[in-house]
Amino acid sequence: QVELVESGGGLVQTGGSLKLSCAASGPTDSSYAMGWFRQAPEKERELVAAVSWISWRGFTTYYADSVKDRFIISRDHTKATVYLQMNNLNTEDSGVYYCVARAGGRRLNWSEYDSWGQGTQVTVSS
């Protein structure tokens, strides 16, 4: 099983930026889909961004509507690391961010991933 370790969370003011990192160890390769879920208090856990490999298209990205044009997901294969650059943050972005991975393509459901990180807290103050 793949082990995922997140870092980079913290406290930031509205309008600020944070960059999350997720280092993967274990049997991963570029065919693995990796992404970030967010769990906010009293809200459902949602997939905010993911990167996956499609053989005839190459790497593709997914963003939830709530983070489009503000978040950027990227992947460094040499380091088996995925990043989430979060810009123009607002209080709605607060929550615990979990890195996920699965063999194969992206899925929207938490349970369809094979590996999950411990989570990193992001708090955006007004």
Foldseek 3Di string as FASTA:
>chain_A
DKAKAKDWADEAAAQAKIKMKIFIDDDDAQQKKKFKWFDDPPDDIWTAKIWHQDPVPGIDMDGDPVQPPFWDWDADRVRNMIMIIGGRDDQVRWGWMKMFIARHDDDTDPVPTDYIYPTDTHGYHD
